[in-house]
Amino acid sequence: MREHLKKTRRSPKWEHFRDEFLKGRFCASCGGTKSLQAHHIKPYHTHKELELDPLNLIPLCMGRFDCHLFIGHGGRFDYSNPNVVKDAAAALSYPPKRRAIESLAKSSRVAD
């Protein structure tokens, strides 16, 4: 139900915009290319005016490391990580420190 409601509130341009944004990209947190998501840096539901702003998006995957969940949302989809860009870059640059970076994302998360 929640996904259905989110879809009806989205701009009719969102799906095409998202697909174009993700073309040729990789996960900003692990470098993966499977199951990429266009994650809103400032959450869509609180900043609807930024829905189609590519500067408010970061590609995160739901693949092997589930970066969208653990880096983008701090482990819970009803939260967001205000430090997602910094945390994703750190996870990509320092893979051995990934667990510590995920812990930082969790401690930084804010309720949506």
PDB file of N, CA and C in Angstrom:
ATOM      1  N   MET A   1       0.828  -1.201   0.000  1.00  0.00           N
ATOM      2  CA  MET A   1       0.000   0.000   0.000  1.00  0.00           C
ATOM      3  C   MET A   1       0.865   1.255   0.000  1.00  0.00           C
ATOM      4  N   ARG A   2       1.889   1.292   0.854  1.00  0.00           N
ATOM      5  CA  ARG A   2       2.738   2.474   0.931  1.00  0.00           C
ATOM      6  C   ARG A   2       3.396   2.771  -0.421  1.00  0.00           C
ATOM      7  N   GLU A   3       3.904   1.747  -1.094  1.00  0.00           N
ATOM      8  CA  GLU A   3       4.526   1.947  -2.403  1.00  0.00           C
ATOM      9  C   GLU A   3       3.504   2.482  -3.398  1.00  0.00           C
ATOM     10  N   HIS A   4       2.287   1.982  -3.333  1.00  0.00           N
ATOM     11  CA  HIS A   4       1.242   2.461  -4.230  1.00  0.00           C
ATOM     12  C   HIS A   4       0.974   3.947  -3.989  1.00  0.00           C
ATOM     13  N   LEU A   5       0.907   4.350  -2.728  1.00  0.00           N
ATOM     14  CA  LEU A   5       0.664   5.758  -2.413  1.00  0.00           C
ATOM     15  C   LEU A   5       1.823   6.630  -2.858  1.00  0.00           C
ATOM     16  N   LYS A   6       3.063   6.143  -2.655  1.00  0.00           N
ATOM     17  CA  LYS A   6       4.222   6.904  -3.088  1.00  0.00           C
ATOM     18  C   LYS A   6       4.197   7.092  -4.599  1.00  0.00           C
ATOM     19  N   LYS A   7       3.831   6.049  -5.330  1.00  0.00           N
ATOM     20  CA  LYS A   7       3.827   6.125  -6.783  1.00  0.00           C
ATOM     21  C   LYS A   7       2.794   7.138  -7.273  1.00  0.00           C
ATOM     22  N   THR A   8       1.645   7.192  -6.638  1.00  0.00           N
ATOM     23  CA  THR A   8       0.612   8.114  -7.097  1.00  0.00           C
ATOM     24  C   THR A   8       0.981   9.567  -6.809  1.00  0.00           C
ATOM     25  N   ARG A   9       1.819   9.814  -5.823  1.00  0.00           N
ATOM     26  CA  ARG A   9       2.215  11.185  -5.499  1.00  0.00           C
ATOM     27  C   ARG A   9       3.409  11.656  -6.321  1.00  0.00           C
ATOM     28  N   ARG A  10       4.096  10.777  -6.966  1.00  0.00           N
ATOM     29  CA  ARG A  10       5.284  11.115  -7.745  1.00  0.00           C
ATOM     30  C   ARG A  10       4.916  11.901  -8.998  1.00  0.00           C
ATOM     31  N   SER A  11       5.863  12.681  -9.455  1.00  0.00           N
ATOM     32  CA  SER A  11       5.707  13.380 -10.722  1.00  0.00           C
ATOM     33  C   SER A  11       5.555  12.338 -11.830  1.00  0.00           C
ATOM     34  N   PRO A  12       4.752  12.617 -12.834  1.00  0.00           N
ATOM     35  CA  PRO A  12       4.646  11.677 -13.954  1.00  0.00           C
ATOM     36  C   PRO A  12       5.980  11.542 -14.699  1.00  0.00           C
ATOM     37  N   LYS A  13       6.907  12.454 -14.465  1.00  0.00           N
ATOM     38  CA  LYS A  13       8.219  12.398 -15.107  1.00  0.00           C
ATOM     39  C   LYS A  13       9.230  11.556 -14.320  1.00  0.00           C
ATOM     40  N   TRP A  14       8.878  11.157 -13.087  1.00  0.00           N
ATOM     41  CA  TRP A  14       9.847  10.517 -12.202  1.00  0.00           C
ATOM     42  C   TRP A  14      10.473   9.249 -12.791  1.00  0.00           C
ATOM     43  N   GLU A  15       9.679   8.311 -13.269  1.00  0.00           N
ATOM     44  CA  GLU A  15      10.237   7.032 -13.717  1.00  0.00           C
ATOM     45  C   GLU A  15      11.244   7.222 -14.849  1.00  0.00           C
ATOM     46  N   HIS A  16      10.926   8.047 -15.818  1.00  0.00           N
ATOM     47  CA  HIS A  16      11.859   8.309 -16.920  1.00  0.00           C
ATOM     48  C   HIS A  16      13.100   9.043 -16.401  1.00  0.00           C
ATOM     49  N   PHE A  17      12.880  10.028 -15.557  1.00  0.00           N
ATOM     50  CA  PHE A  17      13.985  10.799 -14.983  1.00  0.00           C
ATOM     51  C   PHE A  17      14.930   9.885 -14.209  1.00  0.00           C
ATOM     52  N   ARG A  18      14.366   9.026 -13.362  1.00  0.00           N
ATOM     53  CA  ARG A  18      15.162   8.082 -12.564  1.00  0.00           C
ATOM     54  C   ARG A  18      15.973   7.163 -13.470  1.00  0.00           C
ATOM     55  N   ASP A  19      15.314   6.592 -14.480  1.00  0.00           N
ATOM     56  CA  ASP A  19      16.000   5.666 -15.385  1.00  0.00           C
ATOM     57  C   ASP A  19      17.153   6.354 -16.109  1.00  0.00           C
ATOM     58  N   GLU A  20      16.938   7.582 -16.552  1.00  0.00           N
ATOM     59  CA  GLU A  20      18.003   8.334 -17.235  1.00  0.00           C
ATOM     60  C   GLU A  20      19.137   8.666 -16.262  1.00  0.00           C
ATOM     61  N   PHE A  21      18.776   9.026 -15.033  1.00  0.00           N
ATOM     62  CA  PHE A  21      19.796   9.339 -14.023  1.00  0.00           C
ATOM     63  C   PHE A  21      20.696   8.137 -13.767  1.00  0.00           C
ATOM     64  N   LEU A  22      20.134   6.947 -13.715  1.00  0.00           N
ATOM     65  CA  LEU A  22      20.891   5.753 -13.354  1.00  0.00           C
ATOM     66  C   LEU A  22      21.711   5.166 -14.506  1.00  0.00           C
ATOM     67  N   LYS A  23      21.422   5.548 -15.732  1.00  0.00           N
ATOM     68  CA  LYS A  23      22.152   4.995 -16.883  1.00  0.00           C
ATOM     69  C   LYS A  23      23.652   5.232 -16.748  1.00  0.00           C
ATOM     70  N   GLY A  24      24.407   4.148 -16.862  1.00  0.00           N
ATOM     71  CA  GLY A  24      25.863   4.236 -16.838  1.00  0.00           C
ATOM     72  C   GLY A  24      26.468   4.541 -15.481  1.00  0.00           C
ATOM     73  N   ARG A  25      25.672   4.526 -14.435  1.00  0.00           N
ATOM     74  CA  ARG A  25      26.188   4.849 -13.099  1.00  0.00           C
ATOM     75  C   ARG A  25      26.477   3.575 -12.304  1.00  0.00           C
ATOM     76  N   PHE A  26      27.139   3.761 -11.197  1.00  0.00           N
ATOM     77  CA  PHE A  26      27.428   2.677 -10.264  1.00  0.00           C
ATOM     78  C   PHE A  26      27.111   3.171  -8.853  1.00  0.00           C
ATOM     79  N   CYS A  27      26.999   2.239  -7.942  1.00  0.00           N
ATOM     80  CA  CYS A  27      26.681   2.589  -6.554  1.00  0.00           C
ATOM     81  C   CYS A  27      27.789   3.463  -5.978  1.00  0.00           C
ATOM     82  N   ALA A  28      27.405   4.573  -5.410  1.00  0.00           N
ATOM     83  CA  ALA A  28      28.356   5.524  -4.832  1.00  0.00           C
ATOM     84  C   ALA A  28      28.996   4.989  -3.556  1.00  0.00           C
ATOM     85  N   SER A  29      28.487   3.869  -3.040  1.00  0.00           N
ATOM     86  CA  SER A  29      28.990   3.327  -1.794  1.00  0.00           C
ATOM     87  C   SER A  29      29.847   2.068  -1.962  1.00  0.00           C
ATOM     88  N   CYS A  30      29.548   1.260  -2.988  1.00  0.00           N
ATOM     89  CA  CYS A  30      30.319   0.020  -3.165  1.00  0.00           C
ATOM     90  C   CYS A  30      30.824  -0.193  -4.586  1.00  0.00           C
ATOM     91  N   GLY A  31      30.358   0.614  -5.524  1.00  0.00           N
ATOM     92  CA  GLY A  31      30.779   0.473  -6.908  1.00  0.00           C
ATOM     93  C   GLY A  31      29.965  -0.528  -7.709  1.00  0.00           C
ATOM     94  N   GLY A  32      28.994  -1.162  -7.080  1.00  0.00           N
ATOM     95  CA  GLY A  32      28.162  -2.152  -7.766  1.00  0.00           C
ATOM     96  C   GLY A  32      27.240  -1.520  -8.802  1.00  0.00           C
ATOM     97  N   THR A  33      26.750  -2.364  -9.711  1.00  0.00           N
ATOM     98  CA  THR A  33      25.859  -1.873 -10.756  1.00  0.00           C
ATOM     99  C   THR A  33      24.509  -2.588 -10.765  1.00  0.00           C
ATOM    100  N   LYS A  34      24.305  -3.539  -9.882  1.00  0.00           N
ATOM    101  CA  LYS A  34      23.044  -4.282  -9.845  1.00  0.00           C
ATOM    102  C   LYS A  34      22.076  -3.666  -8.848  1.00  0.00           C
ATOM    103  N   SER A  35      20.824  -3.656  -9.210  1.00  0.00           N
ATOM    104  CA  SER A  35      19.744  -3.171  -8.342  1.00  0.00           C
ATOM    105  C   SER A  35      19.977  -1.731  -7.873  1.00  0.00           C
ATOM    106  N   LEU A  36      20.389  -0.874  -8.802  1.00  0.00           N
ATOM    107  CA  LEU A  36      20.632   0.530  -8.445  1.00  0.00           C
ATOM    108  C   LEU A  36      19.328   1.264  -8.159  1.00  0.00           C
ATOM    109  N   GLN A  37      19.394   2.135  -7.198  1.00  0.00           N
ATOM    110  CA  GLN A  37      18.280   2.993  -6.811  1.00  0.00           C
ATOM    111  C   GLN A  37      18.739   4.448  -6.884  1.00  0.00           C
ATOM    112  N   ALA A  38      17.854   5.340  -7.242  1.00  0.00           N
ATOM    113  CA  ALA A  38      18.131   6.773  -7.193  1.00  0.00           C
ATOM    114  C   ALA A  38      17.660   7.258  -5.821  1.00  0.00           C
ATOM    115  N   HIS A  39      18.595   7.409  -4.924  1.00  0.00           N
ATOM    116  CA  HIS A  39      18.290   7.796  -3.544  1.00  0.00           C
ATOM    117  C   HIS A  39      18.294   9.315  -3.422  1.00  0.00           C
ATOM    118  N   HIS A  40      17.236   9.870  -2.841  1.00  0.00           N
ATOM    119  CA  HIS A  40      17.159  11.309  -2.600  1.00  0.00           C
ATOM    120  C   HIS A  40      17.992  11.669  -1.372  1.00  0.00           C
ATOM    121  N   ILE A  41      18.918  12.582  -1.539  1.00  0.00           N
ATOM    122  CA  ILE A  41      19.773  13.025  -0.443  1.00  0.00           C
ATOM    123  C   ILE A  41      18.928  13.736   0.612  1.00  0.00           C
ATOM    124  N   LYS A  42      18.134  14.683   0.182  1.00  0.00           N
ATOM    125  CA  LYS A  42      17.108  15.274   1.045  1.00  0.00           C
ATOM    126  C   LYS A  42      15.835  14.520   0.699  1.00  0.00           C
ATOM    127  N   PRO A  43      15.202  13.871   1.678  1.00  0.00           N
ATOM    128  CA  PRO A  43      14.082  12.969   1.393  1.00  0.00           C
ATOM    129  C   PRO A  43      12.975  13.595   0.543  1.00  0.00           C
ATOM    130  N   TYR A  44      12.481  12.799  -0.370  1.00  0.00           N
ATOM    131  CA  TYR A  44      11.433  13.231  -1.291  1.00  0.00           C
ATOM    132  C   TYR A  44      10.191  13.737  -0.552  1.00  0.00           C
ATOM    133  N   HIS A  45       9.766  13.021   0.471  1.00  0.00           N
ATOM    134  CA  HIS A  45       8.505  13.392   1.126  1.00  0.00           C
ATOM    135  C   HIS A  45       8.599  14.694   1.918  1.00  0.00           C
ATOM    136  N   THR A  46       9.810  15.161   2.235  1.00  0.00           N
ATOM    137  CA  THR A  46       9.947  16.442   2.932  1.00  0.00           C
ATOM    138  C   THR A  46      10.453  17.559   2.010  1.00  0.00           C
ATOM    139  N   HIS A  47      10.937  17.176   0.831  1.00  0.00           N
ATOM    140  CA  HIS A  47      11.459  18.144  -0.138  1.00  0.00           C
ATOM    141  C   HIS A  47      10.963  17.786  -1.539  1.00  0.00           C
ATOM    142  N   LYS A  48       9.659  17.788  -1.714  1.00  0.00           N
ATOM    143  CA  LYS A  48       9.069  17.405  -2.999  1.00  0.00           C
ATOM    144  C   LYS A  48       9.579  18.247  -4.163  1.00  0.00           C
ATOM    145  N   GLU A  49       9.955  19.484  -3.884  1.00  0.00           N
ATOM    146  CA  GLU A  49      10.450  20.367  -4.940  1.00  0.00           C
ATOM    147  C   GLU A  49      11.785  19.886  -5.514  1.00  0.00           C
ATOM    148  N   LEU A  50      12.467  18.973  -4.815  1.00  0.00           N
ATOM    149  CA  LEU A  50      13.757  18.449  -5.276  1.00  0.00           C
ATOM    150  C   LEU A  50      13.643  17.066  -5.912  1.00  0.00           C
ATOM    151  N   GLU A  51      12.424  16.611  -6.136  1.00  0.00           N
ATOM    152  CA  GLU A  51      12.222  15.256  -6.675  1.00  0.00           C
ATOM    153  C   GLU A  51      12.989  15.031  -7.975  1.00  0.00           C
ATOM    154  N   LEU A  52      12.972  15.993  -8.874  1.00  0.00           N
ATOM    155  CA  LEU A  52      13.605  15.843 -10.187  1.00  0.00           C
ATOM    156  C   LEU A  52      14.916  16.625 -10.298  1.00  0.00           C
ATOM    157  N   ASP A  53      15.545  16.899  -9.190  1.00  0.00           N
ATOM    158  CA  ASP A  53      16.819  17.613  -9.175  1.00  0.00           C
ATOM    159  C   ASP A  53      17.958  16.591  -9.091  1.00  0.00           C
ATOM    160  N   PRO A  54      18.745  16.448 -10.146  1.00  0.00           N
ATOM    161  CA  PRO A  54      19.819  15.447 -10.118  1.00  0.00           C
ATOM    162  C   PRO A  54      20.872  15.722  -9.044  1.00  0.00           C
ATOM    163  N   LEU A  55      20.965  16.957  -8.575  1.00  0.00           N
ATOM    164  CA  LEU A  55      21.913  17.275  -7.505  1.00  0.00           C
ATOM    165  C   LEU A  55      21.436  16.767  -6.151  1.00  0.00           C
ATOM    166  N   ASN A  56      20.178  16.345  -6.084  1.00  0.00           N
ATOM    167  CA  ASN A  56      19.625  15.790  -4.850  1.00  0.00           C
ATOM    168  C   ASN A  56      19.558  14.259  -4.909  1.00  0.00           C
ATOM    169  N   LEU A  57      20.220  13.662  -5.873  1.00  0.00           N
ATOM    170  CA  LEU A  57      20.193  12.208  -6.017  1.00  0.00           C
ATOM    171  C   LEU A  57      21.593  11.623  -5.906  1.00  0.00           C
ATOM    172  N   ILE A  58      21.644  10.409  -5.384  1.00  0.00           N
ATOM    173  CA  ILE A  58      22.884   9.642  -5.321  1.00  0.00           C
ATOM    174  C   ILE A  58      22.515   8.199  -5.664  1.00  0.00           C
ATOM    175  N   PRO A  59      23.285   7.553  -6.543  1.00  0.00           N
ATOM    176  CA  PRO A  59      22.971   6.160  -6.869  1.00  0.00           C
ATOM    177  C   PRO A  59      23.474   5.220  -5.773  1.00  0.00           C
ATOM    178  N   LEU A  60      22.562   4.455  -5.229  1.00  0.00           N
ATOM    179  CA  LEU A  60      22.890   3.455  -4.209  1.00  0.00           C
ATOM    180  C   LEU A  60      22.235   2.146  -4.607  1.00  0.00           C
ATOM    181  N   CYS A  61      22.897   1.039  -4.303  1.00  0.00           N
ATOM    182  CA  CYS A  61      22.370  -0.261  -4.733  1.00  0.00           C
ATOM    183  C   CYS A  61      21.618  -0.967  -3.608  1.00  0.00           C
ATOM    184  N   MET A  62      20.857  -1.943  -4.039  1.00  0.00           N
ATOM    185  CA  MET A  62      20.220  -2.870  -3.107  1.00  0.00           C
ATOM    186  C   MET A  62      20.774  -4.263  -3.407  1.00  0.00           C
ATOM    187  N   GLY A  63      22.038  -4.293  -3.777  1.00  0.00           N
ATOM    188  CA  GLY A  63      22.729  -5.523  -4.128  1.00  0.00           C
ATOM    189  C   GLY A  63      23.400  -6.158  -2.929  1.00  0.00           C
ATOM    190  N   ARG A  64      24.617  -6.615  -3.137  1.00  0.00           N
ATOM    191  CA  ARG A  64      25.366  -7.382  -2.140  1.00  0.00           C
ATOM    192  C   ARG A  64      25.428  -6.719  -0.767  1.00  0.00           C
ATOM    193  N   PHE A  65      25.693  -5.412  -0.727  1.00  0.00           N
ATOM    194  CA  PHE A  65      25.855  -4.721   0.553  1.00  0.00           C
ATOM    195  C   PHE A  65      24.614  -3.954   0.993  1.00  0.00           C
ATOM    196  N   ASP A  66      23.593  -3.918   0.141  1.00  0.00           N
ATOM    197  CA  ASP A  66      22.358  -3.187   0.424  1.00  0.00           C
ATOM    198  C   ASP A  66      22.648  -1.757   0.882  1.00  0.00           C
ATOM    199  N   CYS A  67      23.447  -1.078   0.076  1.00  0.00           N
ATOM    200  CA  CYS A  67      23.894   0.286   0.393  1.00  0.00           C
ATOM    201  C   CYS A  67      22.721   1.256   0.545  1.00  0.00           C
ATOM    202  N   HIS A  68      21.674   1.052  -0.242  1.00  0.00           N
ATOM    203  CA  HIS A  68      20.516   1.948  -0.137  1.00  0.00           C
ATOM    204  C   HIS A  68      19.954   1.916   1.284  1.00  0.00           C
ATOM    205  N   LEU A  69      19.822   0.722   1.842  1.00  0.00           N
ATOM    206  CA  LEU A  69      19.288   0.591   3.195  1.00  0.00           C
ATOM    207  C   LEU A  69      20.296   1.051   4.246  1.00  0.00           C
ATOM    208  N   PHE A  70      21.521   0.509   4.204  1.00  0.00           N
ATOM    209  CA  PHE A  70      22.456   0.730   5.306  1.00  0.00           C
ATOM    210  C   PHE A  70      23.195   2.065   5.255  1.00  0.00           C
ATOM    211  N   ILE A  71      23.484   2.581   4.076  1.00  0.00           N
ATOM    212  CA  ILE A  71      24.155   3.885   3.980  1.00  0.00           C
ATOM    213  C   ILE A  71      23.127   5.004   3.770  1.00  0.00           C
ATOM    214  N   GLY A  72      22.156   4.771   2.906  1.00  0.00           N
ATOM    215  CA  GLY A  72      21.161   5.790   2.604  1.00  0.00           C
ATOM    216  C   GLY A  72      20.158   6.040   3.715  1.00  0.00           C
ATOM    217  N   HIS A  73      19.822   4.966   4.442  1.00  0.00           N
ATOM    218  CA  HIS A  73      18.779   5.088   5.462  1.00  0.00           C
ATOM    219  C   HIS A  73      19.231   4.669   6.855  1.00  0.00           C
ATOM    220  N   GLY A  74      20.487   4.357   7.028  1.00  0.00           N
ATOM    221  CA  GLY A  74      20.969   3.984   8.357  1.00  0.00           C
ATOM    222  C   GLY A  74      20.351   2.713   8.893  1.00  0.00           C
ATOM    223  N   GLY A  75      19.923   1.827   7.998  1.00  0.00           N
ATOM    224  CA  GLY A  75      19.406   0.520   8.417  1.00  0.00           C
ATOM    225  C   GLY A  75      17.898   0.415   8.523  1.00  0.00           C
ATOM    226  N   ARG A  76      17.182   1.520   8.374  1.00  0.00           N
ATOM    227  CA  ARG A  76      15.709   1.495   8.431  1.00  0.00           C
ATOM    228  C   ARG A  76      15.148   2.452   7.398  1.00  0.00           C
ATOM    229  N   PHE A  77      14.253   1.950   6.555  1.00  0.00           N
ATOM    230  CA  PHE A  77      13.719   2.775   5.478  1.00  0.00           C
ATOM    231  C   PHE A  77      12.838   3.923   5.967  1.00  0.00           C
ATOM    232  N   ASP A  78      12.433   3.924   7.221  1.00  0.00           N
ATOM    233  CA  ASP A  78      11.646   5.044   7.722  1.00  0.00           C
ATOM    234  C   ASP A  78      12.547   6.137   8.329  1.00  0.00           C
ATOM    235  N   TYR A  79      13.847   6.039   8.071  1.00  0.00           N
ATOM    236  CA  TYR A  79      14.827   7.027   8.489  1.00  0.00           C
ATOM    237  C   TYR A  79      15.620   7.475   7.268  1.00  0.00           C
ATOM    238  N   SER A  80      16.350   8.562   7.407  1.00  0.00           N
ATOM    239  CA  SER A  80      17.262   8.981   6.346  1.00  0.00           C
ATOM    240  C   SER A  80      18.597   9.367   6.989  1.00  0.00           C
ATOM    241  N   ASN A  81      19.637   9.281   6.190  1.00  0.00           N
ATOM    242  CA  ASN A  81      20.977   9.622   6.658  1.00  0.00           C
ATOM    243  C   ASN A  81      21.376  10.960   6.049  1.00  0.00           C
ATOM    244  N   PRO A  82      21.426  12.027   6.836  1.00  0.00           N
ATOM    245  CA  PRO A  82      21.781  13.342   6.286  1.00  0.00           C
ATOM    246  C   PRO A  82      23.224  13.408   5.782  1.00  0.00           C
ATOM    247  N   ASN A  83      24.043  12.433   6.155  1.00  0.00           N
ATOM    248  CA  ASN A  83      25.446  12.388   5.744  1.00  0.00           C
ATOM    249  C   ASN A  83      25.691  11.347   4.654  1.00  0.00           C
ATOM    250  N   VAL A  84      24.655  11.019   3.885  1.00  0.00           N
ATOM    251  CA  VAL A  84      24.742   9.927   2.917  1.00  0.00           C
ATOM    252  C   VAL A  84      25.855  10.120   1.902  1.00  0.00           C
ATOM    253  N   VAL A  85      26.065  11.314   1.407  1.00  0.00           N
ATOM    254  CA  VAL A  85      27.096  11.546   0.388  1.00  0.00           C
ATOM    255  C   VAL A  85      28.484  11.274   0.965  1.00  0.00           C
ATOM    256  N   LYS A  86      28.747  11.831   2.140  1.00  0.00           N
ATOM    257  CA  LYS A  86      30.043  11.638   2.802  1.00  0.00           C
ATOM    258  C   LYS A  86      30.250  10.167   3.178  1.00  0.00           C
ATOM    259  N   ASP A  87      29.226   9.539   3.735  1.00  0.00           N
ATOM    260  CA  ASP A  87      29.347   8.145   4.154  1.00  0.00           C
ATOM    261  C   ASP A  87      29.519   7.207   2.963  1.00  0.00           C
ATOM    262  N   ALA A  88      28.806   7.469   1.870  1.00  0.00           N
ATOM    263  CA  ALA A  88      28.944   6.638   0.671  1.00  0.00           C
ATOM    264  C   ALA A  88      30.360   6.753   0.114  1.00  0.00           C
ATOM    265  N   ALA A  89      30.888   7.964   0.041  1.00  0.00           N
ATOM    266  CA  ALA A  89      32.251   8.165  -0.474  1.00  0.00           C
ATOM    267  C   ALA A  89      33.277   7.458   0.409  1.00  0.00           C
ATOM    268  N   ALA A  90      33.086   7.519   1.716  1.00  0.00           N
ATOM    269  CA  ALA A  90      34.012   6.852   2.633  1.00  0.00           C
ATOM    270  C   ALA A  90      33.945   5.333   2.464  1.00  0.00           C
ATOM    271  N   ALA A  91      32.745   4.785   2.321  1.00  0.00           N
ATOM    272  CA  ALA A  91      32.598   3.337   2.145  1.00  0.00           C
ATOM    273  C   ALA A  91      33.232   2.875   0.841  1.00  0.00           C
ATOM    274  N   LEU A  92      33.103   3.679  -0.200  1.00  0.00           N
ATOM    275  CA  LEU A  92      33.701   3.336  -1.491  1.00  0.00           C
ATOM    276  C   LEU A  92      35.227   3.418  -1.427  1.00  0.00           C
ATOM    277  N   SER A  93      35.745   4.407  -0.735  1.00  0.00           N
ATOM    278  CA  SER A  93      37.196   4.614  -0.656  1.00  0.00           C
ATOM    279  C   SER A  93      37.892   3.676   0.321  1.00  0.00           C
ATOM    280  N   TYR A  94      37.187   3.259   1.367  1.00  0.00           N
ATOM    281  CA  TYR A  94      37.789   2.443   2.422  1.00  0.00           C
ATOM    282  C   TYR A  94      36.938   1.209   2.714  1.00  0.00           C
ATOM    283  N   PRO A  95      36.864   0.263   1.783  1.00  0.00           N
ATOM    284  CA  PRO A  95      36.007  -0.925   1.983  1.00  0.00           C
ATOM    285  C   PRO A  95      36.229  -1.671   3.303  1.00  0.00           C
ATOM    286  N   PRO A  96      37.465  -1.784   3.817  1.00  0.00           N
ATOM    287  CA  PRO A  96      37.617  -2.500   5.097  1.00  0.00           C
ATOM    288  C   PRO A  96      36.913  -1.817   6.272  1.00  0.00           C
ATOM    289  N   LYS A  97      36.594  -0.537   6.134  1.00  0.00           N
ATOM    290  CA  LYS A  97      35.946   0.206   7.227  1.00  0.00           C
ATOM    291  C   LYS A  97      34.430   0.282   7.050  1.00  0.00           C
ATOM    292  N   ARG A  98      33.908  -0.515   6.123  1.00  0.00           N
ATOM    293  CA  ARG A  98      32.487  -0.444   5.791  1.00  0.00           C
ATOM    294  C   ARG A  98      31.580  -0.598   7.019  1.00  0.00           C
ATOM    295  N   ARG A  99      31.826  -1.572   7.866  1.00  0.00           N
ATOM    296  CA  ARG A  99      30.962  -1.791   9.051  1.00  0.00           C
ATOM    297  C   ARG A  99      30.954  -0.565   9.960  1.00  0.00           C
ATOM    298  N   ALA A 100      32.102   0.046  10.148  1.00  0.00           N
ATOM    299  CA  ALA A 100      32.170   1.250  10.984  1.00  0.00           C
ATOM    300  C   ALA A 100      31.404   2.397  10.328  1.00  0.00           C
ATOM    301  N   ILE A 101      31.491   2.495   9.010  1.00  0.00           N
ATOM    302  CA  ILE A 101      30.773   3.559   8.292  1.00  0.00           C
ATOM    303  C   ILE A 101      29.272   3.323   8.368  1.00  0.00           C
ATOM    304  N   GLU A 102      28.841   2.072   8.267  1.00  0.00           N
ATOM    305  CA  GLU A 102      27.418   1.757   8.427  1.00  0.00           C
ATOM    306  C   GLU A 102      26.948   2.116   9.827  1.00  0.00           C
ATOM    307  N   SER A 103      27.790   1.892  10.831  1.00  0.00           N
ATOM    308  CA  SER A 103      27.436   2.283  12.199  1.00  0.00           C
ATOM    309  C   SER A 103      27.289   3.792  12.328  1.00  0.00           C
ATOM    310  N   LEU A 104      28.167   4.535  11.649  1.00  0.00           N
ATOM    311  CA  LEU A 104      28.047   5.995  11.637  1.00  0.00           C
ATOM    312  C   LEU A 104      26.736   6.426  10.988  1.00  0.00           C
ATOM    313  N   ALA A 105      26.407   5.782   9.870  1.00  0.00           N
ATOM    314  CA  ALA A 105      25.144   6.111   9.181  1.00  0.00           C
ATOM    315  C   ALA A 105      23.961   5.847  10.099  1.00  0.00           C
ATOM    316  N   LYS A 106      24.012   4.754  10.830  1.00  0.00           N
ATOM    317  CA  LYS A 106      22.931   4.417  11.761  1.00  0.00           C
ATOM    318  C   LYS A 106      22.833   5.454  12.880  1.00  0.00           C
ATOM    319  N   SER A 107      23.960   5.884  13.406  1.00  0.00           N
ATOM    320  CA  SER A 107      23.927   6.852  14.506  1.00  0.00           C
ATOM    321  C   SER A 107      23.550   8.255  14.033  1.00  0.00           C
ATOM    322  N   SER A 108      23.716   8.511  12.724  1.00  0.00           N
ATOM    323  CA  SER A 108      23.378   9.834  12.166  1.00  0.00           C
ATOM    324  C   SER A 108      21.956   9.931  11.647  1.00  0.00           C
ATOM    325  N   ARG A 109      21.302   8.783  11.501  1.00  0.00           N
ATOM    326  CA  ARG A 109      19.981   8.773  10.849  1.00  0.00           C
ATOM    327  C   ARG A 109      18.961   9.600  11.620  1.00  0.00           C
ATOM    328  N   VAL A 110      18.008  10.143  10.872  1.00  0.00           N
ATOM    329  CA  VAL A 110      16.918  10.907  11.459  1.00  0.00           C
ATOM    330  C   VAL A 110      15.592  10.317  10.971  1.00  0.00           C
ATOM    331  N   ALA A 111      14.597  10.364  11.828  1.00  0.00           N
ATOM    332  CA  ALA A 111      13.286   9.822  11.473  1.00  0.00           C
ATOM    333  C   ALA A 111      12.646  10.656  10.380  1.00  0.00           C
ATOM    334  N   ASP A 112      12.022   9.972   9.448  1.00  0.00           N
ATOM    335  CA  ASP A 112      11.325  10.656   8.343  1.00  0.00           C
ATOM    336  C   ASP A 112       9.883  10.920   8.683  1.00  0.00           C
TER     337      ASP A 112
END
